[in-house]
Amino acid sequence: SYLEESEEVIVIPADQHQYDSSHLLYEYIMLLLPLRKVHPDDENGNNLCNPEVIEKLNWHQATTVIDSRWEVLKKLKDNS
């Protein structure tokens, strides 16, 4: 087994010839990926997204039927 002195230092025993760093690489990549993709604005701060697509998305969100059980949970969340 490996001795972790800190998050940055891992001591590998002298009798070990290999170290599996895949978990460290996985964590590094996961931290680099954004939680959600957001379209960037231009240099003047204007939204570059297609207005027709945004309108369709807003319409879809407004017409989506929410199960009443989820609505009750949402109200509980908003009250806290």
N, C-alpha and C. Protein backbone atom coordinates (compact mmCIF):
# COMPACT_ATOMS: atom_id res chain seq x y z
N SER A 1 0.84 -1.19 0.00
CA SER A 1 0.00 0.00 0.00
C SER A 1 0.89 1.25 0.00
N TYR A 2 0.28 2.32 -0.42
CA TYR A 2 1.02 3.57 -0.57
C TYR A 2 0.72 4.48 0.62
N LEU A 3 1.70 5.26 0.99
CA LEU A 3 1.56 6.20 2.09
C LEU A 3 1.29 7.58 1.50
N GLU A 4 0.14 8.15 1.86
CA GLU A 4 -0.18 9.50 1.39
C GLU A 4 0.16 10.49 2.48
N GLU A 5 1.24 11.23 2.29
CA GLU A 5 1.63 12.23 3.26
C GLU A 5 0.75 13.46 3.16
N SER A 6 0.31 13.77 1.96
CA SER A 6 -0.61 14.87 1.73
C SER A 6 -1.31 14.60 0.40
N GLU A 7 -2.12 15.56 -0.05
CA GLU A 7 -2.80 15.38 -1.33
C GLU A 7 -1.81 15.44 -2.50
N GLU A 8 -0.67 16.09 -2.30
CA GLU A 8 0.30 16.26 -3.37
C GLU A 8 1.41 15.23 -3.35
N VAL A 9 1.63 14.56 -2.21
CA VAL A 9 2.76 13.65 -2.07
C VAL A 9 2.27 12.24 -1.75
N ILE A 10 2.68 11.29 -2.58
CA ILE A 10 2.39 9.88 -2.35
C ILE A 10 3.73 9.15 -2.33
N VAL A 11 4.01 8.44 -1.24
CA VAL A 11 5.26 7.72 -1.10
C VAL A 11 5.05 6.30 -1.62
N ILE A 12 5.84 5.92 -2.60
CA ILE A 12 5.76 4.58 -3.18
C ILE A 12 6.82 3.71 -2.50
N PRO A 13 6.43 2.56 -1.99
CA PRO A 13 7.42 1.68 -1.33
C PRO A 13 8.54 1.28 -2.29
N ALA A 14 9.72 1.01 -1.74
CA ALA A 14 10.89 0.70 -2.54
C ALA A 14 10.72 -0.59 -3.34
N ASP A 15 9.91 -1.51 -2.85
CA ASP A 15 9.74 -2.79 -3.56
C ASP A 15 8.69 -2.72 -4.67
N GLN A 16 8.03 -1.60 -4.84
CA GLN A 16 7.04 -1.42 -5.90
C GLN A 16 7.72 -0.88 -7.15
N HIS A 17 7.37 -1.45 -8.30
CA HIS A 17 7.97 -1.00 -9.55
C HIS A 17 6.97 -0.26 -10.42
N GLN A 18 5.70 -0.28 -10.02
CA GLN A 18 4.66 0.39 -10.80
C GLN A 18 3.73 1.14 -9.86
N TYR A 19 3.11 2.16 -10.42
CA TYR A 19 2.10 2.91 -9.66
C TYR A 19 0.95 3.22 -10.61
N ASP A 20 -0.26 2.86 -10.22
CA ASP A 20 -1.45 3.11 -11.03
C ASP A 20 -1.96 4.52 -10.71
N SER A 21 -1.74 5.44 -11.62
CA SER A 21 -2.16 6.82 -11.41
C SER A 21 -3.46 7.14 -12.13
N SER A 22 -4.20 6.13 -12.56
CA SER A 22 -5.43 6.37 -13.32
C SER A 22 -6.46 7.14 -12.50
N HIS A 23 -6.56 6.87 -11.21
CA HIS A 23 -7.54 7.60 -10.39
C HIS A 23 -7.19 9.08 -10.29
N LEU A 24 -5.90 9.40 -10.25
CA LEU A 24 -5.49 10.80 -10.20
C LEU A 24 -5.80 11.50 -11.52
N LEU A 25 -5.56 10.82 -12.62
CA LEU A 25 -5.87 11.38 -13.94
C LEU A 25 -7.37 11.58 -14.09
N TYR A 26 -8.15 10.62 -13.63
CA TYR A 26 -9.61 10.73 -13.69
C TYR A 26 -10.10 11.95 -12.91
N GLU A 27 -9.62 12.12 -11.68
CA GLU A 27 -10.02 13.27 -10.87
C GLU A 27 -9.61 14.58 -11.54
N TYR A 28 -8.43 14.63 -12.10
CA TYR A 28 -7.95 15.83 -12.78
C TYR A 28 -8.85 16.20 -13.95
N ILE A 29 -9.20 15.22 -14.77
CA ILE A 29 -10.06 15.47 -15.93
C ILE A 29 -11.45 15.89 -15.48
N MET A 30 -11.99 15.24 -14.46
CA MET A 30 -13.33 15.58 -13.98
C MET A 30 -13.38 17.01 -13.45
N LEU A 31 -12.31 17.47 -12.85
CA LEU A 31 -12.27 18.84 -12.35
C LEU A 31 -12.12 19.86 -13.47
N LEU A 32 -11.57 19.45 -14.60
CA LEU A 32 -11.42 20.36 -15.73
C LEU A 32 -12.72 20.55 -16.51
N LEU A 33 -13.58 19.55 -16.50
CA LEU A 33 -14.82 19.62 -17.27
C LEU A 33 -15.83 20.52 -16.58
N PRO A 34 -16.50 21.37 -17.31
CA PRO A 34 -17.52 22.22 -16.69
C PRO A 34 -18.74 21.39 -16.29
N LEU A 35 -19.46 21.86 -15.27
CA LEU A 35 -20.67 21.16 -14.85
C LEU A 35 -21.76 21.27 -15.91
N ARG A 36 -21.77 22.38 -16.62
CA ARG A 36 -22.72 22.55 -17.71
C ARG A 36 -22.06 23.42 -18.78
N LYS A 37 -22.50 23.22 -19.99
CA LYS A 37 -21.95 24.00 -21.10
C LYS A 37 -22.76 25.27 -21.27
N VAL A 38 -22.06 26.39 -21.32
CA VAL A 38 -22.69 27.69 -21.48
C VAL A 38 -22.07 28.36 -22.69
N HIS A 39 -22.91 28.82 -23.59
CA HIS A 39 -22.41 29.49 -24.79
C HIS A 39 -21.83 30.83 -24.39
N PRO A 40 -20.60 31.14 -24.79
CA PRO A 40 -19.99 32.41 -24.39
C PRO A 40 -20.59 33.59 -25.15
N ASP A 41 -20.57 34.74 -24.50
CA ASP A 41 -21.00 35.98 -25.14
C ASP A 41 -19.85 36.52 -25.98
N ASP A 42 -20.18 37.46 -26.87
CA ASP A 42 -19.12 38.09 -27.66
C ASP A 42 -18.40 39.13 -26.80
N GLU A 43 -17.44 39.84 -27.39
CA GLU A 43 -16.64 40.79 -26.62
C GLU A 43 -17.44 41.97 -26.09
N ASN A 44 -18.63 42.23 -26.66
CA ASN A 44 -19.49 43.32 -26.19
C ASN A 44 -20.52 42.85 -25.17
N GLY A 45 -20.51 41.56 -24.86
CA GLY A 45 -21.46 41.03 -23.89
C GLY A 45 -22.78 40.60 -24.50
N ASN A 46 -22.86 40.57 -25.83
CA ASN A 46 -24.10 40.17 -26.50
C ASN A 46 -24.17 38.65 -26.61
N ASN A 47 -25.36 38.12 -26.43
CA ASN A 47 -25.59 36.69 -26.52
C ASN A 47 -25.53 36.26 -27.98
N LEU A 48 -24.73 35.25 -28.28
CA LEU A 48 -24.56 34.77 -29.65
C LEU A 48 -25.44 33.57 -29.98
N CYS A 49 -26.27 33.14 -29.04
CA CYS A 49 -27.13 31.98 -29.28
C CYS A 49 -28.22 32.34 -30.30
N ASN A 50 -28.68 31.35 -31.02
CA ASN A 50 -29.74 31.52 -32.00
C ASN A 50 -31.04 31.84 -31.28
N PRO A 51 -31.65 33.01 -31.53
CA PRO A 51 -32.88 33.41 -30.82
C PRO A 51 -34.04 32.44 -31.04
N GLU A 52 -34.12 31.83 -32.22
CA GLU A 52 -35.21 30.88 -32.49
C GLU A 52 -35.08 29.65 -31.60
N VAL A 53 -33.87 29.18 -31.41
CA VAL A 53 -33.64 28.01 -30.56
C VAL A 53 -33.97 28.34 -29.12
N ILE A 54 -33.57 29.51 -28.65
CA ILE A 54 -33.87 29.93 -27.28
C ILE A 54 -35.38 30.02 -27.08
N GLU A 55 -36.09 30.56 -28.07
CA GLU A 55 -37.55 30.66 -27.97
C GLU A 55 -38.18 29.28 -27.88
N LYS A 56 -37.70 28.33 -28.67
CA LYS A 56 -38.23 26.96 -28.62
C LYS A 56 -37.94 26.31 -27.27
N LEU A 57 -36.75 26.53 -26.75
CA LEU A 57 -36.41 25.97 -25.44
C LEU A 57 -37.30 26.54 -24.34
N ASN A 58 -37.51 27.85 -24.37
CA ASN A 58 -38.38 28.49 -23.38
C ASN A 58 -39.80 27.99 -23.50
N TRP A 59 -40.29 27.79 -24.73
CA TRP A 59 -41.64 27.28 -24.94
C TRP A 59 -41.75 25.86 -24.39
N HIS A 60 -40.74 25.05 -24.64
CA HIS A 60 -40.76 23.67 -24.16
C HIS A 60 -40.77 23.62 -22.64
N GLN A 61 -39.98 24.47 -21.99
CA GLN A 61 -39.95 24.50 -20.53
C GLN A 61 -41.29 24.96 -19.97
N ALA A 62 -41.94 25.91 -20.64
CA ALA A 62 -43.21 26.44 -20.15
C ALA A 62 -44.34 25.43 -20.32
N THR A 63 -44.27 24.58 -21.34
CA THR A 63 -45.35 23.64 -21.61
C THR A 63 -45.12 22.27 -20.99
N THR A 64 -43.99 22.05 -20.36
CA THR A 64 -43.71 20.76 -19.76
C THR A 64 -44.60 20.57 -18.54
N VAL A 65 -45.29 19.43 -18.49
CA VAL A 65 -46.17 19.11 -17.37
C VAL A 65 -45.33 18.48 -16.27
N ILE A 66 -45.44 19.05 -15.07
CA ILE A 66 -44.68 18.56 -13.93
C ILE A 66 -45.58 17.69 -13.07
N ASP A 67 -45.08 16.54 -12.70
CA ASP A 67 -45.80 15.64 -11.81
C ASP A 67 -46.08 16.37 -10.50
N SER A 68 -47.28 16.24 -9.98
CA SER A 68 -47.69 16.98 -8.78
C SER A 68 -46.81 16.65 -7.58
N ARG A 69 -46.28 15.44 -7.52
CA ARG A 69 -45.40 15.08 -6.39
C ARG A 69 -44.12 15.90 -6.43
N TRP A 70 -43.58 16.14 -7.63
CA TRP A 70 -42.38 16.95 -7.75
C TRP A 70 -42.68 18.41 -7.41
N GLU A 71 -43.87 18.87 -7.75
CA GLU A 71 -44.25 20.25 -7.45
C GLU A 71 -44.28 20.48 -5.94
N VAL A 72 -44.80 19.50 -5.19
CA VAL A 72 -44.83 19.61 -3.73
C VAL A 72 -43.41 19.66 -3.18
N LEU A 73 -42.53 18.82 -3.69
CA LEU A 73 -41.14 18.83 -3.24
C LEU A 73 -40.45 20.14 -3.58
N LYS A 74 -40.77 20.69 -4.74
CA LYS A 74 -40.18 21.97 -5.14
C LYS A 74 -40.61 23.08 -4.18
N LYS A 75 -41.88 23.06 -3.76
CA LYS A 75 -42.37 24.07 -2.81
C LYS A 75 -41.65 23.93 -1.48
N LEU A 76 -41.43 22.69 -1.03
CA LEU A 76 -40.70 22.47 0.23
C LEU A 76 -39.28 23.01 0.13
N LYS A 77 -38.65 22.79 -1.01
CA LYS A 77 -37.29 23.28 -1.22
C LYS A 77 -37.25 24.81 -1.21
N ASP A 78 -38.23 25.43 -1.87
CA ASP A 78 -38.26 26.89 -1.94
C ASP A 78 -38.52 27.54 -0.59
N ASN A 79 -39.24 26.83 0.30
CA ASN A 79 -39.55 27.37 1.62
C ASN A 79 -38.37 27.31 2.57
N SER A 80 -37.40 26.46 2.30
CA SER A 80 -36.27 26.33 3.23
C SER A 80 -35.16 27.29 2.91
